[in-house]
Amino acid sequence: MRKPDTSLFCLLRDTLARTARLMVGVPDYEAYVAHRRQVHPGDPVMTYEEFFRERQASRYGENGGKISRCC
């Protein structure tokens, strides 16, 4: 994990990168980990691989699930 940088340029760059990833369907693992540690401190945190597989399954309706997308 990168050391946080507080410069305006770096903040803008990181925000744009996060937005672009979400727009093409790449989930934000760092946001997930921060949320789990803050809101659910005693619960286990999935590894990146587990998290990615779970998000893909949720997005594309694996295991007979419903495909939830706009088109």
PDB file of N, CA and C in Angstrom:
ATOM      1  N   MET A   1       0.837  -1.174   0.000  1.00  0.00           N
ATOM      2  CA  MET A   1       0.000   0.000   0.000  1.00  0.00           C
ATOM      3  C   MET A   1       0.883   1.238   0.000  1.00  0.00           C
ATOM      4  N   ARG A   2       0.480   2.237  -0.772  1.00  0.00           N
ATOM      5  CA  ARG A   2       1.250   3.465  -0.893  1.00  0.00           C
ATOM      6  C   ARG A   2       1.098   4.351   0.336  1.00  0.00           C
ATOM      7  N   LYS A   3       2.131   5.136   0.614  1.00  0.00           N
ATOM      8  CA  LYS A   3       2.068   6.130   1.675  1.00  0.00           C
ATOM      9  C   LYS A   3       1.134   7.253   1.221  1.00  0.00           C
ATOM     10  N   PRO A   4       0.154   7.637   2.062  1.00  0.00           N
ATOM     11  CA  PRO A   4      -0.779   8.682   1.640  1.00  0.00           C
ATOM     12  C   PRO A   4      -0.074  10.011   1.375  1.00  0.00           C
ATOM     13  N   ASP A   5      -0.443  10.659   0.281  1.00  0.00           N
ATOM     14  CA  ASP A   5       0.112  11.955  -0.072  1.00  0.00           C
ATOM     15  C   ASP A   5      -1.024  12.969   0.010  1.00  0.00           C
ATOM     16  N   THR A   6      -0.777  14.121   0.614  1.00  0.00           N
ATOM     17  CA  THR A   6      -1.841  15.085   0.836  1.00  0.00           C
ATOM     18  C   THR A   6      -1.865  16.222  -0.175  1.00  0.00           C
ATOM     19  N   SER A   7      -0.997  16.205  -1.144  1.00  0.00           N
ATOM     20  CA  SER A   7      -1.009  17.296  -2.120  1.00  0.00           C
ATOM     21  C   SER A   7      -2.298  17.240  -2.933  1.00  0.00           C
ATOM     22  N   LEU A   8      -2.753  18.388  -3.376  1.00  0.00           N
ATOM     23  CA  LEU A   8      -3.991  18.479  -4.144  1.00  0.00           C
ATOM     24  C   LEU A   8      -3.910  17.654  -5.417  1.00  0.00           C
ATOM     25  N   PHE A   9      -2.769  17.702  -6.097  1.00  0.00           N
ATOM     26  CA  PHE A   9      -2.602  16.925  -7.322  1.00  0.00           C
ATOM     27  C   PHE A   9      -2.780  15.428  -7.055  1.00  0.00           C
ATOM     28  N   CYS A  10      -2.136  14.933  -6.004  1.00  0.00           N
ATOM     29  CA  CYS A  10      -2.218  13.504  -5.704  1.00  0.00           C
ATOM     30  C   CYS A  10      -3.621  13.100  -5.275  1.00  0.00           C
ATOM     31  N   LEU A  11      -4.290  13.967  -4.544  1.00  0.00           N
ATOM     32  CA  LEU A  11      -5.665  13.693  -4.141  1.00  0.00           C
ATOM     33  C   LEU A  11      -6.572  13.616  -5.367  1.00  0.00           C
ATOM     34  N   LEU A  12      -6.421  14.550  -6.282  1.00  0.00           N
ATOM     35  CA  LEU A  12      -7.210  14.547  -7.506  1.00  0.00           C
ATOM     36  C   LEU A  12      -6.902  13.315  -8.352  1.00  0.00           C
ATOM     37  N   ARG A  13      -5.621  13.000  -8.487  1.00  0.00           N
ATOM     38  CA  ARG A  13      -5.213  11.822  -9.256  1.00  0.00           C
ATOM     39  C   ARG A  13      -5.833  10.552  -8.684  1.00  0.00           C
ATOM     40  N   ASP A  14      -5.767  10.384  -7.371  1.00  0.00           N
ATOM     41  CA  ASP A  14      -6.315   9.190  -6.736  1.00  0.00           C
ATOM     42  C   ASP A  14      -7.827   9.115  -6.885  1.00  0.00           C
ATOM     43  N   THR A  15      -8.494  10.255  -6.766  1.00  0.00           N
ATOM     44  CA  THR A  15      -9.945  10.289  -6.914  1.00  0.00           C
ATOM     45  C   THR A  15     -10.353   9.930  -8.340  1.00  0.00           C
ATOM     46  N   LEU A  16      -9.660  10.483  -9.312  1.00  0.00           N
ATOM     47  CA  LEU A  16      -9.958  10.161 -10.708  1.00  0.00           C
ATOM     48  C   LEU A  16      -9.678   8.694 -11.020  1.00  0.00           C
ATOM     49  N   ALA A  17      -8.607   8.159 -10.490  1.00  0.00           N
ATOM     50  CA  ALA A  17      -8.277   6.748 -10.718  1.00  0.00           C
ATOM     51  C   ALA A  17      -9.340   5.845 -10.098  1.00  0.00           C
ATOM     52  N   ARG A  18      -9.764   6.152  -8.887  1.00  0.00           N
ATOM     53  CA  ARG A  18     -10.798   5.368  -8.213  1.00  0.00           C
ATOM     54  C   ARG A  18     -12.109   5.432  -9.010  1.00  0.00           C
ATOM     55  N   THR A  19     -12.470   6.614  -9.484  1.00  0.00           N
ATOM     56  CA  THR A  19     -13.691   6.789 -10.263  1.00  0.00           C
ATOM     57  C   THR A  19     -13.623   5.990 -11.564  1.00  0.00           C
ATOM     58  N   ALA A  20     -12.495   6.056 -12.240  1.00  0.00           N
ATOM     59  CA  ALA A  20     -12.331   5.317 -13.496  1.00  0.00           C
ATOM     60  C   ALA A  20     -12.435   3.815 -13.264  1.00  0.00           C
ATOM     61  N   ARG A  21     -11.820   3.314 -12.193  1.00  0.00           N
ATOM     62  CA  ARG A  21     -11.904   1.883 -11.884  1.00  0.00           C
ATOM     63  C   ARG A  21     -13.342   1.462 -11.637  1.00  0.00           C
ATOM     64  N   LEU A  22     -14.083   2.266 -10.875  1.00  0.00           N
ATOM     65  CA  LEU A  22     -15.476   1.929 -10.588  1.00  0.00           C
ATOM     66  C   LEU A  22     -16.336   1.989 -11.845  1.00  0.00           C
ATOM     67  N   MET A  23     -16.028   2.902 -12.743  1.00  0.00           N
ATOM     68  CA  MET A  23     -16.803   3.025 -13.980  1.00  0.00           C
ATOM     69  C   MET A  23     -16.655   1.795 -14.871  1.00  0.00           C
ATOM     70  N   VAL A  24     -15.508   1.150 -14.836  1.00  0.00           N
ATOM     71  CA  VAL A  24     -15.315  -0.043 -15.667  1.00  0.00           C
ATOM     72  C   VAL A  24     -15.534  -1.331 -14.883  1.00  0.00           C
ATOM     73  N   GLY A  25     -15.990  -1.201 -13.633  1.00  0.00           N
ATOM     74  CA  GLY A  25     -16.368  -2.374 -12.857  1.00  0.00           C
ATOM     75  C   GLY A  25     -15.285  -2.990 -12.004  1.00  0.00           C
ATOM     76  N   VAL A  26     -14.200  -2.288 -11.743  1.00  0.00           N
ATOM     77  CA  VAL A  26     -13.150  -2.811 -10.871  1.00  0.00           C
ATOM     78  C   VAL A  26     -13.437  -2.315  -9.449  1.00  0.00           C
ATOM     79  N   PRO A  27     -13.721  -3.209  -8.524  1.00  0.00           N
ATOM     80  CA  PRO A  27     -14.072  -2.791  -7.175  1.00  0.00           C
ATOM     81  C   PRO A  27     -12.893  -2.186  -6.419  1.00  0.00           C
ATOM     82  N   ASP A  28     -13.184  -1.356  -5.421  1.00  0.00           N
ATOM     83  CA  ASP A  28     -12.168  -0.646  -4.640  1.00  0.00           C
ATOM     84  C   ASP A  28     -11.870  -1.413  -3.351  1.00  0.00           C
ATOM     85  N   TYR A  29     -10.833  -2.250  -3.384  1.00  0.00           N
ATOM     86  CA  TYR A  29     -10.491  -3.087  -2.240  1.00  0.00           C
ATOM     87  C   TYR A  29     -10.058  -2.254  -1.037  1.00  0.00           C
ATOM     88  N   GLU A  30      -9.310  -1.199  -1.254  1.00  0.00           N
ATOM     89  CA  GLU A  30      -8.840  -0.374  -0.136  1.00  0.00           C
ATOM     90  C   GLU A  30     -10.008   0.263   0.607  1.00  0.00           C
ATOM     91  N   ALA A  31     -11.038   0.699  -0.120  1.00  0.00           N
ATOM     92  CA  ALA A  31     -12.224   1.269   0.523  1.00  0.00           C
ATOM     93  C   ALA A  31     -12.963   0.193   1.319  1.00  0.00           C
ATOM     94  N   TYR A  32     -13.027  -1.015   0.769  1.00  0.00           N
ATOM     95  CA  TYR A  32     -13.654  -2.135   1.471  1.00  0.00           C
ATOM     96  C   TYR A  32     -12.943  -2.432   2.788  1.00  0.00           C
ATOM     97  N   VAL A  33     -11.618  -2.511   2.741  1.00  0.00           N
ATOM     98  CA  VAL A  33     -10.837  -2.810   3.956  1.00  0.00           C
ATOM     99  C   VAL A  33     -11.023  -1.702   4.993  1.00  0.00           C
ATOM    100  N   ALA A  34     -10.962  -0.446   4.568  1.00  0.00           N
ATOM    101  CA  ALA A  34     -11.153   0.671   5.502  1.00  0.00           C
ATOM    102  C   ALA A  34     -12.534   0.613   6.141  1.00  0.00           C
ATOM    103  N   HIS A  35     -13.558   0.309   5.346  1.00  0.00           N
ATOM    104  CA  HIS A  35     -14.918   0.203   5.871  1.00  0.00           C
ATOM    105  C   HIS A  35     -15.028  -0.929   6.884  1.00  0.00           C
ATOM    106  N   ARG A  36     -14.494  -2.093   6.535  1.00  0.00           N
ATOM    107  CA  ARG A  36     -14.582  -3.247   7.446  1.00  0.00           C
ATOM    108  C   ARG A  36     -13.881  -2.964   8.772  1.00  0.00           C
ATOM    109  N   ARG A  37     -12.722  -2.338   8.711  1.00  0.00           N
ATOM    110  CA  ARG A  37     -11.972  -2.059   9.938  1.00  0.00           C
ATOM    111  C   ARG A  37     -12.649  -0.994  10.795  1.00  0.00           C
ATOM    112  N   GLN A  38     -13.311  -0.034  10.147  1.00  0.00           N
ATOM    113  CA  GLN A  38     -13.960   1.040  10.898  1.00  0.00           C
ATOM    114  C   GLN A  38     -15.332   0.618  11.431  1.00  0.00           C
ATOM    115  N   VAL A  39     -16.141  -0.026  10.607  1.00  0.00           N
ATOM    116  CA  VAL A  39     -17.516  -0.322  10.978  1.00  0.00           C
ATOM    117  C   VAL A  39     -17.670  -1.709  11.602  1.00  0.00           C
ATOM    118  N   HIS A  40     -16.847  -2.664  11.189  1.00  0.00           N
ATOM    119  CA  HIS A  40     -16.932  -4.042  11.681  1.00  0.00           C
ATOM    120  C   HIS A  40     -15.562  -4.501  12.180  1.00  0.00           C
ATOM    121  N   PRO A  41     -15.042  -3.885  13.248  1.00  0.00           N
ATOM    122  CA  PRO A  41     -13.649  -4.145  13.646  1.00  0.00           C
ATOM    123  C   PRO A  41     -13.344  -5.588  14.052  1.00  0.00           C
ATOM    124  N   GLY A  42     -14.308  -6.338  14.535  1.00  0.00           N
ATOM    125  CA  GLY A  42     -14.033  -7.705  14.969  1.00  0.00           C
ATOM    126  C   GLY A  42     -14.195  -8.743  13.880  1.00  0.00           C
ATOM    127  N   ASP A  43     -14.784  -8.363  12.762  1.00  0.00           N
ATOM    128  CA  ASP A  43     -15.061  -9.309  11.685  1.00  0.00           C
ATOM    129  C   ASP A  43     -13.840  -9.501  10.798  1.00  0.00           C
ATOM    130  N   PRO A  44     -13.722 -10.690  10.194  1.00  0.00           N
ATOM    131  CA  PRO A  44     -12.585 -10.925   9.293  1.00  0.00           C
ATOM    132  C   PRO A  44     -12.719 -10.120   8.004  1.00  0.00           C
ATOM    133  N   VAL A  45     -11.577  -9.829   7.390  1.00  0.00           N
ATOM    134  CA  VAL A  45     -11.520  -9.088   6.126  1.00  0.00           C
ATOM    135  C   VAL A  45     -11.092 -10.061   5.042  1.00  0.00           C
ATOM    136  N   MET A  46     -11.832 -10.074   3.928  1.00  0.00           N
ATOM    137  CA  MET A  46     -11.480 -10.963   2.818  1.00  0.00           C
ATOM    138  C   MET A  46     -10.146 -10.548   2.211  1.00  0.00           C
ATOM    139  N   THR A  47      -9.441 -11.518   1.672  1.00  0.00           N
ATOM    140  CA  THR A  47      -8.230 -11.202   0.904  1.00  0.00           C
ATOM    141  C   THR A  47      -8.663 -10.519  -0.388  1.00  0.00           C
ATOM    142  N   TYR A  48      -7.703  -9.928  -1.100  1.00  0.00           N
ATOM    143  CA  TYR A  48      -8.043  -9.262  -2.359  1.00  0.00           C
ATOM    144  C   TYR A  48      -8.672 -10.252  -3.330  1.00  0.00           C
ATOM    145  N   GLU A  49      -8.128 -11.468  -3.406  1.00  0.00           N
ATOM    146  CA  GLU A  49      -8.650 -12.472  -4.332  1.00  0.00           C
ATOM    147  C   GLU A  49     -10.083 -12.852  -3.975  1.00  0.00           C
ATOM    148  N   GLU A  50     -10.363 -13.074  -2.685  1.00  0.00           N
ATOM    149  CA  GLU A  50     -11.719 -13.401  -2.246  1.00  0.00           C
ATOM    150  C   GLU A  50     -12.680 -12.249  -2.549  1.00  0.00           C
ATOM    151  N   PHE A  51     -12.231 -11.032  -2.252  1.00  0.00           N
ATOM    152  CA  PHE A  51     -13.040  -9.850  -2.493  1.00  0.00           C
ATOM    153  C   PHE A  51     -13.367  -9.708  -3.984  1.00  0.00           C
ATOM    154  N   PHE A  52     -12.362  -9.876  -4.836  1.00  0.00           N
ATOM    155  CA  PHE A  52     -12.563  -9.734  -6.269  1.00  0.00           C
ATOM    156  C   PHE A  52     -13.538 -10.780  -6.791  1.00  0.00           C
ATOM    157  N   ARG A  53     -13.361 -12.041  -6.363  1.00  0.00           N
ATOM    158  CA  ARG A  53     -14.273 -13.105  -6.796  1.00  0.00           C
ATOM    159  C   ARG A  53     -15.700 -12.842  -6.342  1.00  0.00           C
ATOM    160  N   GLU A  54     -15.864 -12.374  -5.098  1.00  0.00           N
ATOM    161  CA  GLU A  54     -17.200 -12.095  -4.563  1.00  0.00           C
ATOM    162  C   GLU A  54     -17.865 -10.956  -5.331  1.00  0.00           C
ATOM    163  N   ARG A  55     -17.110  -9.915  -5.653  1.00  0.00           N
ATOM    164  CA  ARG A  55     -17.665  -8.777  -6.405  1.00  0.00           C
ATOM    165  C   ARG A  55     -18.039  -9.196  -7.821  1.00  0.00           C
ATOM    166  N   GLN A  56     -17.207 -10.037  -8.459  1.00  0.00           N
ATOM    167  CA  GLN A  56     -17.522 -10.521  -9.799  1.00  0.00           C
ATOM    168  C   GLN A  56     -18.779 -11.387  -9.781  1.00  0.00           C
ATOM    169  N   ALA A  57     -18.880 -12.259  -8.784  1.00  0.00           N
ATOM    170  CA  ALA A  57     -20.059 -13.116  -8.662  1.00  0.00           C
ATOM    171  C   ALA A  57     -21.310 -12.272  -8.435  1.00  0.00           C
ATOM    172  N   SER A  58     -21.189 -11.247  -7.628  1.00  0.00           N
ATOM    173  CA  SER A  58     -22.323 -10.370  -7.366  1.00  0.00           C
ATOM    174  C   SER A  58     -22.719  -9.592  -8.618  1.00  0.00           C
ATOM    175  N   ARG A  59     -21.754  -9.135  -9.348  1.00  0.00           N
ATOM    176  CA  ARG A  59     -22.030  -8.320 -10.534  1.00  0.00           C
ATOM    177  C   ARG A  59     -22.623  -9.133 -11.679  1.00  0.00           C
ATOM    178  N   TYR A  60     -22.088 -10.322 -11.909  1.00  0.00           N
ATOM    179  CA  TYR A  60     -22.494 -11.101 -13.065  1.00  0.00           C
ATOM    180  C   TYR A  60     -23.449 -12.242 -12.751  1.00  0.00           C
ATOM    181  N   GLY A  61     -23.918 -12.344 -11.521  1.00  0.00           N
ATOM    182  CA  GLY A  61     -24.947 -13.309 -11.172  1.00  0.00           C
ATOM    183  C   GLY A  61     -24.509 -14.755 -11.210  1.00  0.00           C
ATOM    184  N   GLU A  62     -23.344 -15.041 -10.707  1.00  0.00           N
ATOM    185  CA  GLU A  62     -22.881 -16.429 -10.631  1.00  0.00           C
ATOM    186  C   GLU A  62     -23.785 -17.237  -9.713  1.00  0.00           C
ATOM    187  N   ASN A  63     -23.749 -18.548  -9.873  1.00  0.00           N
ATOM    188  CA  ASN A  63     -24.510 -19.473  -9.035  1.00  0.00           C
ATOM    189  C   ASN A  63     -26.006 -19.219  -9.103  1.00  0.00           C
ATOM    190  N   GLY A  64     -26.502 -18.921 -10.289  1.00  0.00           N
ATOM    191  CA  GLY A  64     -27.940 -18.758 -10.477  1.00  0.00           C
ATOM    192  C   GLY A  64     -28.497 -17.437  -9.981  1.00  0.00           C
ATOM    193  N   GLY A  65     -27.622 -16.498  -9.632  1.00  0.00           N
ATOM    194  CA  GLY A  65     -28.095 -15.206  -9.144  1.00  0.00           C
ATOM    195  C   GLY A  65     -28.607 -14.330 -10.263  1.00  0.00           C
ATOM    196  N   LYS A  66     -29.243 -13.259  -9.886  1.00  0.00           N
ATOM    197  CA  LYS A  66     -29.788 -12.312 -10.856  1.00  0.00           C
ATOM    198  C   LYS A  66     -28.687 -11.381 -11.354  1.00  0.00           C
ATOM    199  N   ILE A  67     -28.647 -11.143 -12.632  1.00  0.00           N
ATOM    200  CA  ILE A  67     -27.704 -10.183 -13.187  1.00  0.00           C
ATOM    201  C   ILE A  67     -28.313  -8.801 -13.009  1.00  0.00           C
ATOM    202  N   SER A  68     -27.658  -7.967 -12.221  1.00  0.00           N
ATOM    203  CA  SER A  68     -28.216  -6.638 -11.961  1.00  0.00           C
ATOM    204  C   SER A  68     -27.353  -5.592 -12.652  1.00  0.00           C
ATOM    205  N   ARG A  69     -27.811  -5.148 -13.781  1.00  0.00           N
ATOM    206  CA  ARG A  69     -27.149  -4.082 -14.500  1.00  0.00           C
ATOM    207  C   ARG A  69     -28.192  -3.346 -15.329  1.00  0.00           C
ATOM    208  N   CYS A  70     -27.851  -2.240 -15.854  1.00  0.00           N
ATOM    209  CA  CYS A  70     -28.837  -1.396 -16.526  1.00  0.00           C
ATOM    210  C   CYS A  70     -29.257  -1.904 -17.899  1.00  0.00           C
ATOM    211  N   CYS A  71     -28.423  -2.667 -18.570  1.00  0.00           N
ATOM    212  CA  CYS A  71     -28.739  -3.060 -19.952  1.00  0.00           C
ATOM    213  C   CYS A  71     -28.795  -4.560 -20.109  1.00  0.00           C
TER     214      CYS A  71
END
